[in-house]
Amino acid sequence: MIILAAACLLGGMAAQAQMPDPIYDEPEYEAIRKYEEQQRLEAIEDSLNYVRAMDALERMDFVVEADQLMFKWGRTAFVNTATNFVSVHDGEATIQIAPFNAGGGPNGVGGITVTGTPSNVRVKTNKRGNTYFSMNVNGPGVSATVSMNIAKGSNRVTLTVSPNFNSNNITLMGELLPTAFSNVYKGRSL
């Protein structure tokens, strides 16, 4: 009986010792709550941006605003989203690469702008929900294949422009937006 009483007493003390004191005081708790709320709001915004991007892709009325370029041998450069983009609007595709912020160049904004007609458009979504898009663009000064990967739940994309006559591929990383939400500046086309 004494052993049973001692075991109950020690068990009660151990249970009481395991009860944690509040880990956070009120200001810390409030900061954590605000952080978690911010994370939920960002997740909702990402979902909305994804839905808009997929709708724009389906309607073939979109712009990929690039904030980073990757050149043939893996060199990268951060660039202005207003002057580096690929767009499709009203049956016309535009590819503009302007890595130089000094202006000039054939398009007047530090690079090159080409337009053409999109054809052979393919869109495929895999089991994980990632979307793959490709099209050919042909016109004066351009004959290229454009391929794009879009991760599920995001409007961030990786887009590669592969010219058909050489291997000077260029990869653009940025956001896919409906044309109405875009803010790009198109230079002179070739």
C-alpha atoms as a PDB file:
ATOM      1  CA  MET A   1       0.000   0.000   0.000  1.00  0.00           C
ATOM      2  CA  ILE A   2       2.818   2.395   0.850  1.00  0.00           C
ATOM      3  CA  ILE A   3       4.456   1.625  -2.492  1.00  0.00           C
ATOM      4  CA  LEU A   4       1.181   2.324  -4.310  1.00  0.00           C
ATOM      5  CA  ALA A   5       0.773   5.670  -2.489  1.00  0.00           C
ATOM      6  CA  ALA A   6       4.363   6.649  -3.261  1.00  0.00           C
ATOM      7  CA  ALA A   7       3.884   5.744  -6.942  1.00  0.00           C
ATOM      8  CA  CYS A   8       0.694   7.848  -7.119  1.00  0.00           C
ATOM      9  CA  LEU A   9       2.426  10.760  -5.400  1.00  0.00           C
ATOM     10  CA  LEU A  10       5.460  10.577  -7.714  1.00  0.00           C
ATOM     11  CA  GLY A  11       3.195  10.153 -10.773  1.00  0.00           C
ATOM     12  CA  GLY A  12       1.228  13.253  -9.782  1.00  0.00           C
ATOM     13  CA  MET A  13       4.433  15.249  -9.292  1.00  0.00           C
ATOM     14  CA  ALA A  14       5.766  14.079 -12.674  1.00  0.00           C
ATOM     15  CA  ALA A  15       2.504  15.037 -14.384  1.00  0.00           C
ATOM     16  CA  GLN A  16       2.603  18.424 -12.700  1.00  0.00           C
ATOM     17  CA  ALA A  17       6.241  18.909 -13.699  1.00  0.00           C
ATOM     18  CA  GLN A  18       5.352  18.186 -17.336  1.00  0.00           C
ATOM     19  CA  MET A  19       2.759  20.958 -17.530  1.00  0.00           C
ATOM     20  CA  PRO A  20       4.581  23.623 -19.523  1.00  0.00           C
ATOM     21  CA  ASP A  21       4.629  27.217 -18.521  1.00  0.00           C
ATOM     22  CA  PRO A  22       3.410  29.549 -21.242  1.00  0.00           C
ATOM     23  CA  ILE A  23       6.142  29.504 -23.877  1.00  0.00           C
ATOM     24  CA  TYR A  24       5.447  32.960 -25.221  1.00  0.00           C
ATOM     25  CA  ASP A  25       4.458  36.132 -23.499  1.00  0.00           C
ATOM     26  CA  GLU A  26       1.683  38.258 -25.030  1.00  0.00           C
ATOM     27  CA  PRO A  27       3.830  40.372 -27.452  1.00  0.00           C
ATOM     28  CA  GLU A  28       5.598  37.260 -28.772  1.00  0.00           C
ATOM     29  CA  TYR A  29       2.282  35.456 -29.214  1.00  0.00           C
ATOM     30  CA  GLU A  30       0.873  38.463 -31.101  1.00  0.00           C
ATOM     31  CA  ALA A  31       3.921  38.551 -33.411  1.00  0.00           C
ATOM     32  CA  ILE A  32       3.530  34.823 -34.165  1.00  0.00           C
ATOM     33  CA  ARG A  33      -0.191  35.275 -34.814  1.00  0.00           C
ATOM     34  CA  LYS A  34       0.496  38.153 -37.238  1.00  0.00           C
ATOM     35  CA  TYR A  35       3.171  36.109 -39.026  1.00  0.00           C
ATOM     36  CA  GLU A  36       0.818  33.136 -39.438  1.00  0.00           C
ATOM     37  CA  GLU A  37      -1.948  35.445 -40.695  1.00  0.00           C
ATOM     38  CA  GLN A  38       0.475  36.975 -43.223  1.00  0.00           C
ATOM     39  CA  GLN A  39       1.410  33.470 -44.423  1.00  0.00           C
ATOM     40  CA  ARG A  40      -2.290  32.586 -44.919  1.00  0.00           C
ATOM     41  CA  LEU A  41      -2.899  35.824 -46.871  1.00  0.00           C
ATOM     42  CA  GLU A  42       0.121  35.163 -49.107  1.00  0.00           C
ATOM     43  CA  ALA A  43      -1.133  31.617 -49.788  1.00  0.00           C
ATOM     44  CA  ILE A  44      -4.541  33.008 -50.811  1.00  0.00           C
ATOM     45  CA  GLU A  45      -2.880  35.606 -53.060  1.00  0.00           C
ATOM     46  CA  ASP A  46      -0.684  32.919 -54.656  1.00  0.00           C
ATOM     47  CA  SER A  47      -3.771  30.792 -55.349  1.00  0.00           C
ATOM     48  CA  LEU A  48      -5.564  33.736 -56.937  1.00  0.00           C
ATOM     49  CA  ASN A  49      -2.514  34.577 -59.087  1.00  0.00           C
ATOM     50  CA  TYR A  50      -2.323  30.942 -60.199  1.00  0.00           C
ATOM     51  CA  VAL A  51      -5.989  30.883 -61.246  1.00  0.00           C
ATOM     52  CA  ARG A  52      -5.550  34.143 -63.178  1.00  0.00           C
ATOM     53  CA  ALA A  53      -2.406  32.819 -64.872  1.00  0.00           C
ATOM     54  CA  MET A  54      -4.065  29.557 -65.948  1.00  0.00           C
ATOM     55  CA  ASP A  55      -7.081  31.452 -67.292  1.00  0.00           C
ATOM     56  CA  ALA A  56      -4.830  33.834 -69.265  1.00  0.00           C
ATOM     57  CA  LEU A  57      -2.855  30.884 -70.650  1.00  0.00           C
ATOM     58  CA  GLU A  58      -6.058  29.143 -71.738  1.00  0.00           C
ATOM     59  CA  ARG A  59      -7.315  32.309 -73.458  1.00  0.00           C
ATOM     60  CA  MET A  60      -3.862  32.884 -75.072  1.00  0.00           C
ATOM     61  CA  ASP A  61      -3.838  36.435 -73.685  1.00  0.00           C
ATOM     62  CA  PHE A  62      -0.852  36.586 -71.331  1.00  0.00           C
ATOM     63  CA  VAL A  63       2.500  38.188 -70.595  1.00  0.00           C
ATOM     64  CA  VAL A  64       5.492  36.599 -68.896  1.00  0.00           C
ATOM     65  CA  GLU A  65       7.336  39.474 -67.216  1.00  0.00           C
ATOM     66  CA  ALA A  66      10.917  38.318 -66.658  1.00  0.00           C
ATOM     67  CA  ASP A  67      12.941  39.490 -63.682  1.00  0.00           C
ATOM     68  CA  GLN A  68      15.901  37.234 -64.466  1.00  0.00           C
ATOM     69  CA  LEU A  69      17.547  35.962 -67.663  1.00  0.00           C
ATOM     70  CA  MET A  70      19.786  32.924 -68.070  1.00  0.00           C
ATOM     71  CA  PHE A  71      22.023  32.895 -71.107  1.00  0.00           C
ATOM     72  CA  LYS A  72      23.398  29.946 -73.096  1.00  0.00           C
ATOM     73  CA  TRP A  73      26.287  29.011 -70.786  1.00  0.00           C
ATOM     74  CA  GLY A  74      24.385  29.502 -67.514  1.00  0.00           C
ATOM     75  CA  ARG A  75      25.257  33.141 -66.869  1.00  0.00           C
ATOM     76  CA  THR A  76      22.352  34.971 -65.256  1.00  0.00           C
ATOM     77  CA  ALA A  77      21.320  38.600 -65.015  1.00  0.00           C
ATOM     78  CA  PHE A  78      18.562  40.353 -63.110  1.00  0.00           C
ATOM     79  CA  VAL A  79      16.591  42.536 -65.493  1.00  0.00           C
ATOM     80  CA  ASN A  80      13.758  45.045 -65.679  1.00  0.00           C
ATOM     81  CA  THR A  81      10.354  43.323 -65.931  1.00  0.00           C
ATOM     82  CA  ALA A  82       8.938  46.168 -68.027  1.00  0.00           C
ATOM     83  CA  THR A  83      11.354  45.557 -70.906  1.00  0.00           C
ATOM     84  CA  ASN A  84      11.974  41.783 -70.739  1.00  0.00           C
ATOM     85  CA  PHE A  85       8.948  39.711 -71.588  1.00  0.00           C
ATOM     86  CA  VAL A  86       7.181  37.234 -73.812  1.00  0.00           C
ATOM     87  CA  SER A  87       3.534  37.947 -74.621  1.00  0.00           C
ATOM     88  CA  VAL A  88       0.664  36.581 -76.635  1.00  0.00           C
ATOM     89  CA  HIS A  89      -2.223  38.945 -77.390  1.00  0.00           C
ATOM     90  CA  ASP A  90      -4.744  39.102 -80.244  1.00  0.00           C
ATOM     91  CA  GLY A  91      -3.048  36.274 -82.126  1.00  0.00           C
ATOM     92  CA  GLU A  92       0.405  37.879 -82.035  1.00  0.00           C
ATOM     93  CA  ALA A  93       3.403  36.705 -80.011  1.00  0.00           C
ATOM     94  CA  THR A  94       6.087  39.156 -78.916  1.00  0.00           C
ATOM     95  CA  ILE A  95       9.506  38.236 -77.575  1.00  0.00           C
ATOM     96  CA  GLN A  96      11.518  41.120 -76.143  1.00  0.00           C
ATOM     97  CA  ILE A  97      14.904  40.709 -74.501  1.00  0.00           C
ATOM     98  CA  ALA A  98      16.548  43.896 -73.239  1.00  0.00           C
ATOM     99  CA  PRO A  99      19.314  43.046 -70.759  1.00  0.00           C
ATOM    100  CA  PHE A 100      21.001  46.435 -71.126  1.00  0.00           C
ATOM    101  CA  ASN A 101      19.361  49.280 -69.226  1.00  0.00           C
ATOM    102  CA  ALA A 102      21.256  51.909 -71.207  1.00  0.00           C
ATOM    103  CA  GLY A 103      18.713  51.941 -74.029  1.00  0.00           C
ATOM    104  CA  GLY A 104      19.711  51.834 -77.663  1.00  0.00           C
ATOM    105  CA  GLY A 105      19.916  48.612 -79.594  1.00  0.00           C
ATOM    106  CA  PRO A 106      17.633  47.642 -82.462  1.00  0.00           C
ATOM    107  CA  ASN A 107      14.476  48.111 -80.351  1.00  0.00           C
ATOM    108  CA  GLY A 108      15.390  51.389 -78.633  1.00  0.00           C
ATOM    109  CA  VAL A 109      15.225  49.896 -75.116  1.00  0.00           C
ATOM    110  CA  GLY A 110      18.550  48.036 -74.951  1.00  0.00           C
ATOM    111  CA  GLY A 111      17.875  44.785 -76.754  1.00  0.00           C
ATOM    112  CA  ILE A 112      15.769  43.156 -79.411  1.00  0.00           C
ATOM    113  CA  THR A 113      12.031  42.842 -80.025  1.00  0.00           C
ATOM    114  CA  VAL A 114      10.523  40.346 -82.454  1.00  0.00           C
ATOM    115  CA  THR A 115       6.915  39.549 -83.228  1.00  0.00           C
ATOM    116  CA  GLY A 116       5.325  36.616 -84.946  1.00  0.00           C
ATOM    117  CA  THR A 117       2.371  34.313 -85.124  1.00  0.00           C
ATOM    118  CA  PRO A 118       2.021  31.579 -82.495  1.00  0.00           C
ATOM    119  CA  SER A 119       1.345  28.086 -83.829  1.00  0.00           C
ATOM    120  CA  ASN A 120       1.489  24.463 -82.729  1.00  0.00           C
ATOM    121  CA  VAL A 121       0.384  25.423 -79.207  1.00  0.00           C
ATOM    122  CA  ARG A 122       0.489  22.623 -76.644  1.00  0.00           C
ATOM    123  CA  VAL A 123      -0.604  22.715 -73.010  1.00  0.00           C
ATOM    124  CA  LYS A 124      -0.254  19.719 -70.717  1.00  0.00           C
ATOM    125  CA  THR A 125      -0.767  19.318 -66.970  1.00  0.00           C
ATOM    126  CA  ASN A 126       0.886  16.372 -65.233  1.00  0.00           C
ATOM    127  CA  LYS A 127      -0.385  14.305 -62.262  1.00  0.00           C
ATOM    128  CA  ARG A 128       1.223  16.695 -59.783  1.00  0.00           C
ATOM    129  CA  GLY A 129      -0.578  19.685 -61.277  1.00  0.00           C
ATOM    130  CA  ASN A 130       2.447  21.292 -62.948  1.00  0.00           C
ATOM    131  CA  THR A 131       1.678  22.768 -66.368  1.00  0.00           C
ATOM    132  CA  TYR A 132       3.896  22.624 -69.450  1.00  0.00           C
ATOM    133  CA  PHE A 133       3.253  24.995 -72.360  1.00  0.00           C
ATOM    134  CA  SER A 134       4.941  25.223 -75.750  1.00  0.00           C
ATOM    135  CA  MET A 135       4.402  27.060 -79.023  1.00  0.00           C
ATOM    136  CA  ASN A 136       6.249  27.953 -82.180  1.00  0.00           C
ATOM    137  CA  VAL A 137       6.631  31.626 -83.084  1.00  0.00           C
ATOM    138  CA  ASN A 138       7.286  32.541 -86.722  1.00  0.00           C
ATOM    139  CA  GLY A 139       7.539  35.997 -88.235  1.00  0.00           C
ATOM    140  CA  PRO A 140       9.956  38.550 -89.662  1.00  0.00           C
ATOM    141  CA  GLY A 141      13.171  38.111 -87.698  1.00  0.00           C
ATOM    142  CA  VAL A 142      11.973  35.168 -85.587  1.00  0.00           C
ATOM    143  CA  SER A 143      11.570  31.434 -85.902  1.00  0.00           C
ATOM    144  CA  ALA A 144      11.676  29.923 -82.435  1.00  0.00           C
ATOM    145  CA  THR A 145      10.109  27.462 -80.058  1.00  0.00           C
ATOM    146  CA  VAL A 146       8.900  28.862 -76.742  1.00  0.00           C
ATOM    147  CA  SER A 147       8.458  26.402 -73.875  1.00  0.00           C
ATOM    148  CA  MET A 148       7.320  27.195 -70.358  1.00  0.00           C
ATOM    149  CA  ASN A 149       6.980  25.379 -67.015  1.00  0.00           C
ATOM    150  CA  ILE A 150       4.449  26.573 -64.437  1.00  0.00           C
ATOM    151  CA  ALA A 151       4.452  25.045 -60.963  1.00  0.00           C
ATOM    152  CA  LYS A 152       1.078  24.160 -59.443  1.00  0.00           C
ATOM    153  CA  GLY A 153      -0.281  26.935 -57.250  1.00  0.00           C
ATOM    154  CA  SER A 154       2.090  29.637 -58.514  1.00  0.00           C
ATOM    155  CA  ASN A 155       2.297  32.090 -61.368  1.00  0.00           C
ATOM    156  CA  ARG A 156       6.122  31.937 -61.347  1.00  0.00           C
ATOM    157  CA  VAL A 157       7.403  30.402 -64.573  1.00  0.00           C
ATOM    158  CA  THR A 158      10.568  29.350 -66.318  1.00  0.00           C
ATOM    159  CA  LEU A 159      10.330  30.066 -70.055  1.00  0.00           C
ATOM    160  CA  THR A 160      12.911  29.085 -72.671  1.00  0.00           C
ATOM    161  CA  VAL A 161      13.168  30.621 -76.134  1.00  0.00           C
ATOM    162  CA  SER A 162      14.955  28.252 -78.534  1.00  0.00           C
ATOM    163  CA  PRO A 163      15.729  29.748 -81.951  1.00  0.00           C
ATOM    164  CA  ASN A 164      15.272  27.221 -84.756  1.00  0.00           C
ATOM    165  CA  PHE A 165      18.423  28.292 -86.666  1.00  0.00           C
ATOM    166  CA  ASN A 166      21.012  28.348 -83.863  1.00  0.00           C
ATOM    167  CA  SER A 167      21.513  27.144 -80.309  1.00  0.00           C
ATOM    168  CA  ASN A 168      21.453  30.539 -78.604  1.00  0.00           C
ATOM    169  CA  ASN A 169      18.717  29.578 -76.160  1.00  0.00           C
ATOM    170  CA  ILE A 170      17.715  32.084 -73.536  1.00  0.00           C
ATOM    171  CA  THR A 171      15.709  31.352 -70.407  1.00  0.00           C
ATOM    172  CA  LEU A 172      13.459  33.891 -68.744  1.00  0.00           C
ATOM    173  CA  MET A 173      12.269  33.531 -65.161  1.00  0.00           C
ATOM    174  CA  GLY A 174       9.347  35.616 -63.988  1.00  0.00           C
ATOM    175  CA  GLU A 175       5.599  35.829 -63.521  1.00  0.00           C
ATOM    176  CA  LEU A 176       2.812  34.882 -65.908  1.00  0.00           C
ATOM    177  CA  LEU A 177       0.094  37.549 -65.878  1.00  0.00           C
ATOM    178  CA  PRO A 178      -3.054  38.310 -67.844  1.00  0.00           C
ATOM    179  CA  THR A 179      -2.316  41.043 -70.385  1.00  0.00           C
ATOM    180  CA  ALA A 180      -4.657  43.415 -68.528  1.00  0.00           C
ATOM    181  CA  PHE A 181      -2.515  43.050 -65.350  1.00  0.00           C
ATOM    182  CA  SER A 182       0.793  43.564 -67.125  1.00  0.00           C
ATOM    183  CA  ASN A 183       2.921  46.686 -67.237  1.00  0.00           C
ATOM    184  CA  VAL A 184       5.444  46.203 -70.047  1.00  0.00           C
ATOM    185  CA  TYR A 185       6.985  48.600 -72.554  1.00  0.00           C
ATOM    186  CA  LYS A 186       7.315  47.233 -76.079  1.00  0.00           C
ATOM    187  CA  GLY A 187      10.214  48.532 -78.149  1.00  0.00           C
ATOM    188  CA  ARG A 188      10.473  48.687 -81.944  1.00  0.00           C
ATOM    189  CA  SER A 189      10.103  45.332 -83.646  1.00  0.00           C
ATOM    190  CA  LEU A 190      12.492  44.089 -86.312  1.00  0.00           C
END
